[in-house]
PDB file of all heavy atoms in Angstrom:
ATOM      1  N   PHE A   1     -90.190   9.760-131.385  1.00  0.00           N
ATOM      2  CA  PHE A   1     -88.989  10.598-131.481  1.00  0.00           C
ATOM      3  C   PHE A   1     -88.557  11.136-130.220  1.00  0.00           C
ATOM      4  O   PHE A   1     -87.465  11.798-130.148  1.00  0.00           O
ATOM      5  CB  PHE A   1     -89.296  11.734-132.478  1.00  0.00           C
ATOM      6  CG  PHE A   1     -89.576  11.270-133.884  1.00  0.00           C
ATOM      7  CD1 PHE A   1     -90.886  11.274-134.443  1.00  0.00           C
ATOM      8  CD2 PHE A   1     -88.624  10.697-134.688  1.00  0.00           C
ATOM      9  CE1 PHE A   1     -91.132  10.816-135.696  1.00  0.00           C
ATOM     10  CE2 PHE A   1     -88.838  10.234-136.010  1.00  0.00           C
ATOM     11  CZ  PHE A   1     -90.127  10.270-136.431  1.00  0.00           C
ATOM     12  N   GLY A   2     -89.258  10.825-129.111  1.00  0.00           N
ATOM     13  CA  GLY A   2     -88.778  11.269-127.808  1.00  0.00           C
ATOM     14  C   GLY A   2     -87.949  10.244-127.139  1.00  0.00           C
ATOM     15  O   GLY A   2     -86.978  10.576-126.382  1.00  0.00           O
ATOM     16  N   LEU A   3     -88.131   8.974-127.381  1.00  0.00           N
ATOM     17  CA  LEU A   3     -87.355   7.857-126.897  1.00  0.00           C
ATOM     18  C   LEU A   3     -86.167   7.507-127.851  1.00  0.00           C
ATOM     19  O   LEU A   3     -86.198   7.825-129.003  1.00  0.00           O
ATOM     20  CB  LEU A   3     -88.174   6.638-126.734  1.00  0.00           C
ATOM     21  CG  LEU A   3     -89.370   6.768-125.731  1.00  0.00           C
ATOM     22  CD1 LEU A   3     -90.154   5.436-125.712  1.00  0.00           C
ATOM     23  CD2 LEU A   3     -88.814   7.131-124.311  1.00  0.00           C
ATOM     24  N   PRO A   4     -85.158   6.863-127.243  1.00  0.00           N
ATOM     25  CA  PRO A   4     -84.060   6.434-128.062  1.00  0.00           C
ATOM     26  C   PRO A   4     -84.507   5.474-129.077  1.00  0.00           C
ATOM     27  O   PRO A   4     -85.522   4.768-128.825  1.00  0.00           O
ATOM     28  CB  PRO A   4     -83.103   5.768-127.017  1.00  0.00           C
ATOM     29  CG  PRO A   4     -83.457   6.442-125.695  1.00  0.00           C
ATOM     30  CD  PRO A   4     -84.920   6.685-125.828  1.00  0.00           C
ATOM     31  N   GLU A   5     -83.740   5.376-130.196  1.00  0.00           N
ATOM     32  CA  GLU A   5     -84.162   4.418-131.239  1.00  0.00           C
ATOM     33  C   GLU A   5     -83.929   2.890-130.645  1.00  0.00           C
ATOM     34  O   GLU A   5     -82.846   2.536-130.325  1.00  0.00           O
ATOM     35  CB  GLU A   5     -83.217   4.537-132.461  1.00  0.00           C
ATOM     36  CG  GLU A   5     -83.612   5.849-133.270  1.00  0.00           C
ATOM     37  CD  GLU A   5     -82.796   5.867-134.530  1.00  0.00           C
ATOM     38  OE1 GLU A   5     -82.571   4.841-135.187  1.00  0.00           O
ATOM     39  OE2 GLU A   5     -82.296   7.021-134.796  1.00  0.00           O
ATOM     40  N   ALA A   6     -85.042   2.218-130.529  1.00  0.00           N
ATOM     41  CA  ALA A   6     -85.047   0.949-130.009  1.00  0.00           C
ATOM     42  C   ALA A   6     -86.489   0.341-130.212  1.00  0.00           C
ATOM     43  O   ALA A   6     -87.372   0.998-130.812  1.00  0.00           O
ATOM     44  CB  ALA A   6     -84.720   0.870-128.579  1.00  0.00           C
ATOM     45  N   THR A   7     -86.687  -0.835-129.771  1.00  0.00           N
ATOM     46  CA  THR A   7     -87.990  -1.462-129.891  1.00  0.00           C
ATOM     47  C   THR A   7     -88.578  -1.562-128.473  1.00  0.00           C
ATOM     48  O   THR A   7     -87.894  -1.995-127.471  1.00  0.00           O
ATOM     49  CB  THR A   7     -87.958  -2.863-130.472  1.00  0.00           C
ATOM     50  OG1 THR A   7     -87.408  -2.763-131.835  1.00  0.00           O
ATOM     51  CG2 THR A   7     -89.339  -3.530-130.550  1.00  0.00           C
ATOM     52  N   TYR A   8     -89.861  -1.178-128.320  1.00  0.00           N
ATOM     53  CA  TYR A   8     -90.530  -1.130-127.086  1.00  0.00           C
ATOM     54  C   TYR A   8     -91.778  -1.919-127.111  1.00  0.00           C
ATOM     55  O   TYR A   8     -92.313  -2.254-128.173  1.00  0.00           O
ATOM     56  CB  TYR A   8     -90.857   0.355-126.681  1.00  0.00           C
ATOM     57  CG  TYR A   8     -89.620   1.213-126.594  1.00  0.00           C
ATOM     58  CD1 TYR A   8     -89.069   1.800-127.791  1.00  0.00           C
ATOM     59  CD2 TYR A   8     -88.954   1.539-125.397  1.00  0.00           C
ATOM     60  CE1 TYR A   8     -87.931   2.615-127.678  1.00  0.00           C
ATOM     61  CE2 TYR A   8     -87.863   2.350-125.355  1.00  0.00           C
ATOM     62  CZ  TYR A   8     -87.332   2.901-126.478  1.00  0.00           C
ATOM     63  OH  TYR A   8     -86.232   3.653-126.396  1.00  0.00           O
ATOM     64  N   HIS A   9     -92.367  -2.208-125.928  1.00  0.00           N
ATOM     65  CA  HIS A   9     -93.694  -2.830-125.894  1.00  0.00           C
ATOM     66  C   HIS A   9     -94.405  -2.229-124.661  1.00  0.00           C
ATOM     67  O   HIS A   9     -93.797  -1.799-123.711  1.00  0.00           O
ATOM     68  CB  HIS A   9     -93.555  -4.336-125.783  1.00  0.00           C
ATOM     69  CG  HIS A   9     -93.042  -4.832-124.458  1.00  0.00           C
ATOM     70  ND1 HIS A   9     -91.626  -5.032-124.291  1.00  0.00           N
ATOM     71  CD2 HIS A   9     -93.679  -5.242-123.312  1.00  0.00           C
ATOM     72  CE1 HIS A   9     -91.508  -5.472-123.102  1.00  0.00           C
ATOM     73  NE2 HIS A   9     -92.676  -5.620-122.423  1.00  0.00           N
ATOM     74  N   LEU A  10     -95.751  -2.306-124.702  1.00  0.00           N
ATOM     75  CA  LEU A  10     -96.542  -1.853-123.606  1.00  0.00           C
ATOM     76  C   LEU A  10     -96.536  -2.923-122.561  1.00  0.00           C
ATOM     77  O   LEU A  10     -96.936  -4.084-122.846  1.00  0.00           O
ATOM     78  CB  LEU A  10     -97.933  -1.494-124.001  1.00  0.00           C
ATOM     79  CG  LEU A  10     -98.200  -0.053-124.483  1.00  0.00           C
ATOM     80  CD1 LEU A  10     -99.652   0.049-124.968  1.00  0.00           C
ATOM     81  CD2 LEU A  10     -97.921   0.886-123.379  1.00  0.00           C
ATOM     82  N   ALA A  11     -96.084  -2.608-121.264  1.00  0.00           N
ATOM     83  CA  ALA A  11     -96.118  -3.542-120.181  1.00  0.00           C
ATOM     84  C   ALA A  11     -97.581  -3.900-119.841  1.00  0.00           C
ATOM     85  O   ALA A  11     -98.516  -3.051-120.034  1.00  0.00           O
ATOM     86  CB  ALA A  11     -95.444  -3.013-118.983  1.00  0.00           C
ATOM     87  N   ASP A  12     -97.779  -5.074-119.265  1.00  0.00           N
ATOM     88  CA  ASP A  12     -99.088  -5.487-118.863  1.00  0.00           C
ATOM     89  C   ASP A  12     -99.610  -4.568-117.768  1.00  0.00           C
ATOM     90  O   ASP A  12    -100.783  -4.278-117.664  1.00  0.00           O
ATOM     91  CB  ASP A  12     -99.030  -6.935-118.310  1.00  0.00           C
ATOM     92  CG  ASP A  12     -98.767  -7.941-119.447  1.00  0.00           C
ATOM     93  OD1 ASP A  12     -99.120  -7.649-120.586  1.00  0.00           O
ATOM     94  OD2 ASP A  12     -98.305  -9.034-119.105  1.00  0.00           O
ATOM     95  N   GLU A  13     -98.700  -4.087-116.890  1.00  0.00           N
ATOM     96  CA  GLU A  13     -99.089  -3.020-115.943  1.00  0.00           C
ATOM     97  C   GLU A  13     -99.252  -1.713-116.695  1.00  0.00           C
ATOM     98  O   GLU A  13     -98.565  -1.384-117.642  1.00  0.00           O
ATOM     99  CB  GLU A  13     -97.945  -2.860-114.877  1.00  0.00           C
ATOM    100  CG  GLU A  13     -97.443  -4.144-114.221  1.00  0.00           C
ATOM    101  CD  GLU A  13     -96.331  -4.737-115.041  1.00  0.00           C
ATOM    102  OE1 GLU A  13     -95.876  -4.212-116.117  1.00  0.00           O
ATOM    103  OE2 GLU A  13     -95.815  -5.856-114.584  1.00  0.00           O
ATOM    104  N   GLY A  14    -100.151  -1.006-116.205  1.00  0.00           N
ATOM    105  CA  GLY A  14    -100.402   0.268-116.908  1.00  0.00           C
ATOM    106  C   GLY A  14    -101.854   0.761-116.690  1.00  0.00           C
ATOM    107  O   GLY A  14    -102.787  -0.083-116.414  1.00  0.00           O
ATOM    108  N   VAL A  15    -102.115   1.963-116.960  1.00  0.00           N
ATOM    109  CA  VAL A  15    -103.468   2.506-116.687  1.00  0.00           C
ATOM    110  C   VAL A  15    -104.306   2.761-117.938  1.00  0.00           C
ATOM    111  O   VAL A  15    -105.432   3.218-117.829  1.00  0.00           O
ATOM    112  CB  VAL A  15    -103.313   3.890-115.946  1.00  0.00           C
ATOM    113  CG1 VAL A  15    -102.661   3.723-114.623  1.00  0.00           C
ATOM    114  CG2 VAL A  15    -102.586   4.991-116.855  1.00  0.00           C
ATOM    115  N   LEU A  16    -103.743   2.415-119.049  1.00  0.00           N
ATOM    116  CA  LEU A  16    -104.543   2.591-120.367  1.00  0.00           C
ATOM    117  C   LEU A  16    -105.412   1.417-120.552  1.00  0.00           C
ATOM    118  O   LEU A  16    -104.877   0.259-120.708  1.00  0.00           O
ATOM    119  CB  LEU A  16    -103.629   2.855-121.515  1.00  0.00           C
ATOM    120  CG  LEU A  16    -102.837   4.148-121.556  1.00  0.00           C
ATOM    121  CD1 LEU A  16    -102.064   4.257-122.797  1.00  0.00           C
ATOM    122  CD2 LEU A  16    -103.889   5.345-121.625  1.00  0.00           C
ATOM    123  N   ASP A  17    -106.699   1.552-120.744  1.00  0.00           N
ATOM    124  CA  ASP A  17    -107.559   0.458-121.134  1.00  0.00           C
ATOM    125  C   ASP A  17    -107.504   0.168-122.636  1.00  0.00           C
ATOM    126  O   ASP A  17    -107.544  -1.001-123.102  1.00  0.00           O
ATOM    127  CB  ASP A  17    -108.986   0.774-120.706  1.00  0.00           C
ATOM    128  CG  ASP A  17    -109.135   0.799-119.174  1.00  0.00           C
ATOM    129  OD1 ASP A  17    -108.493  -0.038-118.546  1.00  0.00           O
ATOM    130  OD2 ASP A  17    -109.969   1.609-118.722  1.00  0.00           O
ATOM    131  N   ASP A  18    -107.396   1.274-123.468  1.00  0.00           N
ATOM    132  CA  ASP A  18    -107.434   1.143-124.904  1.00  0.00           C
ATOM    133  C   ASP A  18    -105.987   1.133-125.452  1.00  0.00           C
ATOM    134  O   ASP A  18    -105.516   2.162-125.893  1.00  0.00           O
ATOM    135  CB  ASP A  18    -108.295   2.234-125.542  1.00  0.00           C
ATOM    136  CG  ASP A  18    -108.667   1.891-126.967  1.00  0.00           C
ATOM    137  OD1 ASP A  18    -108.052   1.074-127.551  1.00  0.00           O
ATOM    138  OD2 ASP A  18    -109.620   2.556-127.404  1.00  0.00           O
ATOM    139  N   ARG A  19    -105.396  -0.044-125.371  1.00  0.00           N
ATOM    140  CA  ARG A  19    -104.021  -0.132-125.854  1.00  0.00           C
ATOM    141  C   ARG A  19    -103.932   0.018-127.301  1.00  0.00           C
ATOM    142  O   ARG A  19    -102.893   0.503-127.832  1.00  0.00           O
ATOM    143  CB  ARG A  19    -103.429  -1.418-125.301  1.00  0.00           C
ATOM    144  CG  ARG A  19    -103.348  -1.570-123.799  1.00  0.00           C
ATOM    145  CD  ARG A  19    -103.154  -2.982-123.371  1.00  0.00           C
ATOM    146  NE  ARG A  19    -101.951  -3.604-123.838  1.00  0.00           N
ATOM    147  CZ  ARG A  19    -100.830  -3.725-123.170  1.00  0.00           C
ATOM    148  NH1 ARG A  19    -100.765  -3.247-121.980  1.00  0.00           N
ATOM    149  NH2 ARG A  19     -99.826  -4.385-123.608  1.00  0.00           N
ATOM    150  N   SER A  20    -104.911  -0.475-128.008  1.00  0.00           N
ATOM    151  CA  SER A  20    -104.860  -0.341-129.554  1.00  0.00           C
ATOM    152  C   SER A  20    -104.866   1.085-129.918  1.00  0.00           C
ATOM    153  O   SER A  20    -104.163   1.465-130.870  1.00  0.00           O
ATOM    154  CB  SER A  20    -106.084  -1.140-130.101  1.00  0.00           C
ATOM    155  OG  SER A  20    -106.075  -1.028-131.537  1.00  0.00           O
ATOM    156  N   GLN A  21    -105.767   1.949-129.251  1.00  0.00           N
ATOM    157  CA  GLN A  21    -105.791   3.330-129.627  1.00  0.00           C
ATOM    158  C   GLN A  21    -104.435   3.996-129.249  1.00  0.00           C
ATOM    159  O   GLN A  21    -103.962   4.874-130.037  1.00  0.00           O
ATOM    160  CB  GLN A  21    -106.933   4.012-128.910  1.00  0.00           C
ATOM    161  CG  GLN A  21    -107.298   5.403-129.404  1.00  0.00           C
ATOM    162  CD  GLN A  21    -108.112   5.385-130.625  1.00  0.00           C
ATOM    163  OE1 GLN A  21    -108.107   4.368-131.316  1.00  0.00           O
ATOM    164  NE2 GLN A  21    -108.689   6.433-130.939  1.00  0.00           N
ATOM    165  N   ALA A  22    -103.782   3.585-128.206  1.00  0.00           N
ATOM    166  CA  ALA A  22    -102.477   4.128-127.861  1.00  0.00           C
ATOM    167  C   ALA A  22    -101.473   3.766-128.926  1.00  0.00           C
ATOM    168  O   ALA A  22    -100.605   4.618-129.228  1.00  0.00           O
ATOM    169  CB  ALA A  22    -102.112   3.668-126.464  1.00  0.00           C
ATOM    170  N   ALA A  23    -101.531   2.537-129.486  1.00  0.00           N
ATOM    171  CA  ALA A  23    -100.575   2.086-130.475  1.00  0.00           C
ATOM    172  C   ALA A  23    -100.845   2.930-131.739  1.00  0.00           C
ATOM    173  O   ALA A  23     -99.840   3.272-132.466  1.00  0.00           O
ATOM    174  CB  ALA A  23    -100.749   0.619-130.738  1.00  0.00           C
ATOM    175  N   LEU A  24    -102.057   3.233-132.011  1.00  0.00           N
ATOM    176  CA  LEU A  24    -102.380   4.059-133.171  1.00  0.00           C
ATOM    177  C   LEU A  24    -101.760   5.472-132.995  1.00  0.00           C
ATOM    178  O   LEU A  24    -101.122   6.029-133.973  1.00  0.00           O
ATOM    179  CB  LEU A  24    -103.858   4.169-133.405  1.00  0.00           C
ATOM    180  CG  LEU A  24    -104.357   5.147-134.510  1.00  0.00           C
ATOM    181  CD1 LEU A  24    -103.864   4.706-135.787  1.00  0.00           C
ATOM    182  CD2 LEU A  24    -105.867   5.255-134.512  1.00  0.00           C
ATOM    183  N   GLY A  25    -101.869   6.005-131.858  1.00  0.00           N
ATOM    184  CA  GLY A  25    -101.250   7.291-131.588  1.00  0.00           C
ATOM    185  C   GLY A  25     -99.760   7.264-131.739  1.00  0.00           C
ATOM    186  O   GLY A  25     -99.130   8.208-132.347  1.00  0.00           O
ATOM    187  N   TRP A  26     -99.155   6.167-131.292  1.00  0.00           N
ATOM    188  CA  TRP A  26     -97.692   5.978-131.535  1.00  0.00           C
ATOM    189  C   TRP A  26     -97.350   6.016-133.067  1.00  0.00           C
ATOM    190  O   TRP A  26     -96.483   6.778-133.423  1.00  0.00           O
ATOM    191  CB  TRP A  26     -97.186   4.647-130.946  1.00  0.00           C
ATOM    192  CG  TRP A  26     -95.786   4.300-131.152  1.00  0.00           C
ATOM    193  CD1 TRP A  26     -95.153   3.996-132.300  1.00  0.00           C
ATOM    194  CD2 TRP A  26     -94.785   4.253-130.128  1.00  0.00           C
ATOM    195  NE1 TRP A  26     -93.838   3.705-132.147  1.00  0.00           N
ATOM    196  CE2 TRP A  26     -93.544   3.929-130.783  1.00  0.00           C
ATOM    197  CE3 TRP A  26     -94.774   4.404-128.777  1.00  0.00           C
ATOM    198  CZ2 TRP A  26     -92.356   3.724-130.084  1.00  0.00           C
ATOM    199  CZ3 TRP A  26     -93.602   4.273-128.055  1.00  0.00           C
ATOM    200  CH2 TRP A  26     -92.427   3.942-128.750  1.00  0.00           C
ATOM    201  N   ALA A  27     -98.104   5.253-133.859  1.00  0.00           N
ATOM    202  CA  ALA A  27     -97.894   5.260-135.261  1.00  0.00           C
ATOM    203  C   ALA A  27     -98.070   6.569-135.912  1.00  0.00           C
ATOM    204  O   ALA A  27     -97.281   6.915-136.836  1.00  0.00           O
ATOM    205  CB  ALA A  27     -98.726   4.187-135.912  1.00  0.00           C
ATOM    206  N   LEU A  28     -99.114   7.287-135.542  1.00  0.00           N
ATOM    207  CA  LEU A  28     -99.331   8.595-136.135  1.00  0.00           C
ATOM    208  C   LEU A  28     -98.278   9.586-135.780  1.00  0.00           C
ATOM    209  O   LEU A  28     -97.862  10.461-136.542  1.00  0.00           O
ATOM    210  CB  LEU A  28    -100.724   9.119-135.652  1.00  0.00           C
ATOM    211  CG  LEU A  28    -101.913   8.340-136.105  1.00  0.00           C
ATOM    212  CD1 LEU A  28    -103.255   8.956-135.561  1.00  0.00           C
ATOM    213  CD2 LEU A  28    -102.003   8.071-137.609  1.00  0.00           C
ATOM    214  N   GLY A  29     -97.722   9.386-134.583  1.00  0.00           N
ATOM    215  CA  GLY A  29     -96.609  10.285-134.125  1.00  0.00           C
ATOM    216  C   GLY A  29     -95.261  10.021-134.799  1.00  0.00           C
ATOM    217  O   GLY A  29     -94.360  10.807-134.749  1.00  0.00           O
ATOM    218  N   ALA A  30     -95.197   8.829-135.370  1.00  0.00           N
ATOM    219  CA  ALA A  30     -93.967   8.428-136.079  1.00  0.00           C
ATOM    220  C   ALA A  30     -93.845   8.878-137.548  1.00  0.00           C
ATOM    221  O   ALA A  30     -92.900   8.691-138.202  1.00  0.00           O
ATOM    222  CB  ALA A  30     -93.806   6.850-136.056  1.00  0.00           C
ATOM    223  N   TYR A  31     -94.923   9.589-138.023  1.00  0.00           N
ATOM    224  CA  TYR A  31     -94.939  10.014-139.424  1.00  0.00           C
ATOM    225  C   TYR A  31     -93.814  11.103-139.709  1.00  0.00           C
ATOM    226  O   TYR A  31     -93.561  11.932-138.876  1.00  0.00           O
ATOM    227  CB  TYR A  31     -96.305  10.668-139.772  1.00  0.00           C
ATOM    228  CG  TYR A  31     -96.380  11.339-141.029  1.00  0.00           C
ATOM    229  CD1 TYR A  31     -96.657  10.613-142.209  1.00  0.00           C
ATOM    230  CD2 TYR A  31     -96.135  12.713-141.165  1.00  0.00           C
ATOM    231  CE1 TYR A  31     -96.651  11.271-143.479  1.00  0.00           C
ATOM    232  CE2 TYR A  31     -96.177  13.392-142.426  1.00  0.00           C
ATOM    233  CZ  TYR A  31     -96.424  12.603-143.585  1.00  0.00           C
ATOM    234  OH  TYR A  31     -96.507  13.285-144.785  1.00  0.00           O
ATOM    235  N   GLN A  32     -93.214  10.910-140.827  1.00  0.00           N
ATOM    236  CA  GLN A  32     -92.281  11.942-141.343  1.00  0.00           C
ATOM    237  C   GLN A  32     -92.524  12.121-142.884  1.00  0.00           C
ATOM    238  O   GLN A  32     -92.701  11.099-143.560  1.00  0.00           O
ATOM    239  CB  GLN A  32     -90.848  11.554-141.149  1.00  0.00           C
ATOM    240  CG  GLN A  32     -90.410  11.387-139.699  1.00  0.00           C
ATOM    241  CD  GLN A  32     -88.980  11.055-139.523  1.00  0.00           C
ATOM    242  OE1 GLN A  32     -88.131  11.901-139.411  1.00  0.00           O
ATOM    243  NE2 GLN A  32     -88.629   9.750-139.490  1.00  0.00           N
ATOM    244  N   PHE A  33     -92.542  13.344-143.313  1.00  0.00           N
ATOM    245  CA  PHE A  33     -92.622  13.655-144.722  1.00  0.00           C
ATOM    246  C   PHE A  33     -91.192  13.852-145.271  1.00  0.00           C
ATOM    247  O   PHE A  33     -90.546  14.804-144.973  1.00  0.00           O
ATOM    248  CB  PHE A  33     -93.467  14.900-145.008  1.00  0.00           C
ATOM    249  CG  PHE A  33     -93.705  15.150-146.452  1.00  0.00           C
ATOM    250  CD1 PHE A  33     -94.347  14.252-147.251  1.00  0.00           C
ATOM    251  CD2 PHE A  33     -93.203  16.362-146.987  1.00  0.00           C
ATOM    252  CE1 PHE A  33     -94.596  14.535-148.595  1.00  0.00           C
ATOM    253  CE2 PHE A  33     -93.475  16.695-148.333  1.00  0.00           C
ATOM    254  CZ  PHE A  33     -94.120  15.758-149.183  1.00  0.00           C
ATOM    255  N   ASP A  34     -90.716  12.849-145.956  1.00  0.00           N
ATOM    256  CA  ASP A  34     -89.257  12.897-146.390  1.00  0.00           C
ATOM    257  C   ASP A  34     -89.062  12.987-147.859  1.00  0.00           C
ATOM    258  O   ASP A  34     -87.929  12.598-148.322  1.00  0.00           O
ATOM    259  CB  ASP A  34     -88.660  11.586-145.822  1.00  0.00           C
ATOM    260  CG  ASP A  34     -89.308  10.332-146.363  1.00  0.00           C
ATOM    261  OD1 ASP A  34     -90.243  10.411-147.250  1.00  0.00           O
ATOM    262  OD2 ASP A  34     -88.987   9.179-145.886  1.00  0.00           O
ATOM    263  N   ARG A  35     -89.949  13.507-148.600  1.00  0.00           N
ATOM    264  CA  ARG A  35     -89.836  13.647-150.048  1.00  0.00           C
ATOM    265  C   ARG A  35     -88.724  14.586-150.433  1.00  0.00           C
ATOM    266  O   ARG A  35     -88.035  14.319-151.443  1.00  0.00           O
ATOM    267  CB  ARG A  35     -91.096  14.095-150.678  1.00  0.00           C
ATOM    268  CG  ARG A  35     -91.040  14.179-152.169  1.00  0.00           C
ATOM    269  CD  ARG A  35     -92.477  14.281-152.852  1.00  0.00           C
ATOM    270  NE  ARG A  35     -92.342  14.420-154.325  1.00  0.00           N
ATOM    271  CZ  ARG A  35     -93.314  14.373-155.127  1.00  0.00           C
ATOM    272  NH1 ARG A  35     -94.546  14.125-154.657  1.00  0.00           N
ATOM    273  NH2 ARG A  35     -93.125  14.465-156.504  1.00  0.00           N
ATOM    274  N   TYR A  36     -88.512  15.532-149.650  1.00  0.00           N
ATOM    275  CA  TYR A  36     -87.563  16.670-150.093  1.00  0.00           C
ATOM    276  C   TYR A  36     -86.292  16.702-149.113  1.00  0.00           C
ATOM    277  O   TYR A  36     -85.398  17.530-149.446  1.00  0.00           O
ATOM    278  CB  TYR A  36     -88.235  17.945-150.106  1.00  0.00           C
ATOM    279  CG  TYR A  36     -89.346  17.946-151.123  1.00  0.00           C
ATOM    280  CD1 TYR A  36     -90.687  17.820-150.678  1.00  0.00           C
ATOM    281  CD2 TYR A  36     -89.197  18.082-152.469  1.00  0.00           C
ATOM    282  CE1 TYR A  36     -91.796  17.832-151.530  1.00  0.00           C
ATOM    283  CE2 TYR A  36     -90.253  18.034-153.335  1.00  0.00           C
ATOM    284  CZ  TYR A  36     -91.549  17.960-152.897  1.00  0.00           C
ATOM    285  OH  TYR A  36     -92.590  17.955-153.727  1.00  0.00           O
ATOM    286  N   ARG A  37     -86.257  15.949-148.051  1.00  0.00           N
ATOM    287  CA  ARG A  37     -85.066  15.959-147.198  1.00  0.00           C
ATOM    288  C   ARG A  37     -84.965  14.642-146.424  1.00  0.00           C
ATOM    289  O   ARG A  37     -86.022  13.984-146.127  1.00  0.00           O
ATOM    290  CB  ARG A  37     -85.094  17.141-146.230  1.00  0.00           C
ATOM    291  CG  ARG A  37     -86.216  17.093-145.189  1.00  0.00           C
ATOM    292  CD  ARG A  37     -86.137  18.296-144.227  1.00  0.00           C
ATOM    293  NE  ARG A  37     -87.183  18.256-143.245  1.00  0.00           N
ATOM    294  CZ  ARG A  37     -87.433  19.237-142.369  1.00  0.00           C
ATOM    295  NH1 ARG A  37     -86.652  20.348-142.448  1.00  0.00           N
ATOM    296  NH2 ARG A  37     -88.388  19.063-141.526  1.00  0.00           N
ATOM    297  N   GLN A  38     -83.802  14.305-146.060  1.00  0.00           N
ATOM    298  CA  GLN A  38     -83.553  13.089-145.304  1.00  0.00           C
ATOM    299  C   GLN A  38     -84.014  13.224-143.858  1.00  0.00           C
ATOM    300  O   GLN A  38     -83.715  14.280-143.289  1.00  0.00           O
ATOM    301  CB  GLN A  38     -82.107  12.715-145.383  1.00  0.00           C
ATOM    302  CG  GLN A  38     -81.535  12.149-146.693  1.00  0.00           C
ATOM    303  CD  GLN A  38     -82.183  10.834-147.045  1.00  0.00           C
ATOM    304  OE1 GLN A  38     -83.003  10.633-147.838  1.00  0.00           O
ATOM    305  NE2 GLN A  38     -81.746   9.823-146.267  1.00  0.00           N
ATOM    306  N   PRO A  39     -84.639  12.246-143.247  1.00  0.00           N
ATOM    307  CA  PRO A  39     -85.076  12.314-141.888  1.00  0.00           C
ATOM    308  C   PRO A  39     -83.784  12.386-141.026  1.00  0.00           C
ATOM    309  O   PRO A  39     -82.732  11.816-141.366  1.00  0.00           O
ATOM    310  CB  PRO A  39     -85.868  11.058-141.672  1.00  0.00           C
ATOM    311  CG  PRO A  39     -86.317  10.602-142.934  1.00  0.00           C
ATOM    312  CD  PRO A  39     -85.201  11.015-143.946  1.00  0.00           C
ATOM    313  N   LYS A  40     -83.875  13.023-139.910  1.00  0.00           N
ATOM    314  CA  LYS A  40     -82.797  13.240-139.004  1.00  0.00           C
ATOM    315  C   LYS A  40     -82.523  11.881-138.242  1.00  0.00           C
ATOM    316  O   LYS A  40     -81.357  11.599-137.882  1.00  0.00           O
ATOM    317  CB  LYS A  40     -82.993  14.322-138.007  1.00  0.00           C
ATOM    318  CG  LYS A  40     -82.962  15.690-138.583  1.00  0.00           C
ATOM    319  CD  LYS A  40     -83.269  16.792-137.541  1.00  0.00           C
ATOM    320  CE  LYS A  40     -83.285  18.116-138.214  1.00  0.00           C
ATOM    321  NZ  LYS A  40     -83.563  19.206-137.182  1.00  0.00           N
ATOM    322  N   ARG A  41     -83.607  11.097-138.043  1.00  0.00           N
ATOM    323  CA  ARG A  41     -83.522   9.799-137.382  1.00  0.00           C
ATOM    324  C   ARG A  41     -84.700   9.008-137.711  1.00  0.00           C
ATOM    325  O   ARG A  41     -85.700   9.480-138.203  1.00  0.00           O
ATOM    326  CB  ARG A  41     -83.335   9.998-135.824  1.00  0.00           C
ATOM    327  CG  ARG A  41     -84.380  10.797-135.274  1.00  0.00           C
ATOM    328  CD  ARG A  41     -84.528  10.563-133.729  1.00  0.00           C
ATOM    329  NE  ARG A  41     -85.158   9.235-133.449  1.00  0.00           N
ATOM    330  CZ  ARG A  41     -85.477   8.754-132.259  1.00  0.00           C
ATOM    331  NH1 ARG A  41     -85.264   9.627-131.189  1.00  0.00           N
ATOM    332  NH2 ARG A  41     -86.022   7.640-132.000  1.00  0.00           N
ATOM    333  N   ALA A  42     -84.595   7.712-137.423  1.00  0.00           N
ATOM    334  CA  ALA A  42     -85.735   6.766-137.599  1.00  0.00           C
ATOM    335  C   ALA A  42     -86.534   6.871-136.310  1.00  0.00           C
ATOM    336  O   ALA A  42     -86.025   7.091-135.234  1.00  0.00           O
ATOM    337  CB  ALA A  42     -85.336   5.412-137.916  1.00  0.00           C
ATOM    338  N   PRO A  43     -87.809   6.627-136.377  1.00  0.00           N
ATOM    339  CA  PRO A  43     -88.652   6.623-135.164  1.00  0.00           C
ATOM    340  C   PRO A  43     -88.359   5.306-134.345  1.00  0.00           C
ATOM    341  O   PRO A  43     -87.951   4.306-134.871  1.00  0.00           O
ATOM    342  CB  PRO A  43     -90.064   6.606-135.653  1.00  0.00           C
ATOM    343  CG  PRO A  43     -89.962   6.012-136.981  1.00  0.00           C
ATOM    344  CD  PRO A  43     -88.662   6.390-137.613  1.00  0.00           C
TER     345      PRO A  43
END
């Protein structure tokens, strides 16, 4: 929700060894509880 709505990928350059764990963090950060109101935007 910090970046503009688009599709991104992790570049080969980078300092993270555990890219899978980073991707999990991304997915957990994309959660929205929308049962009672419409989300303001898509992740």
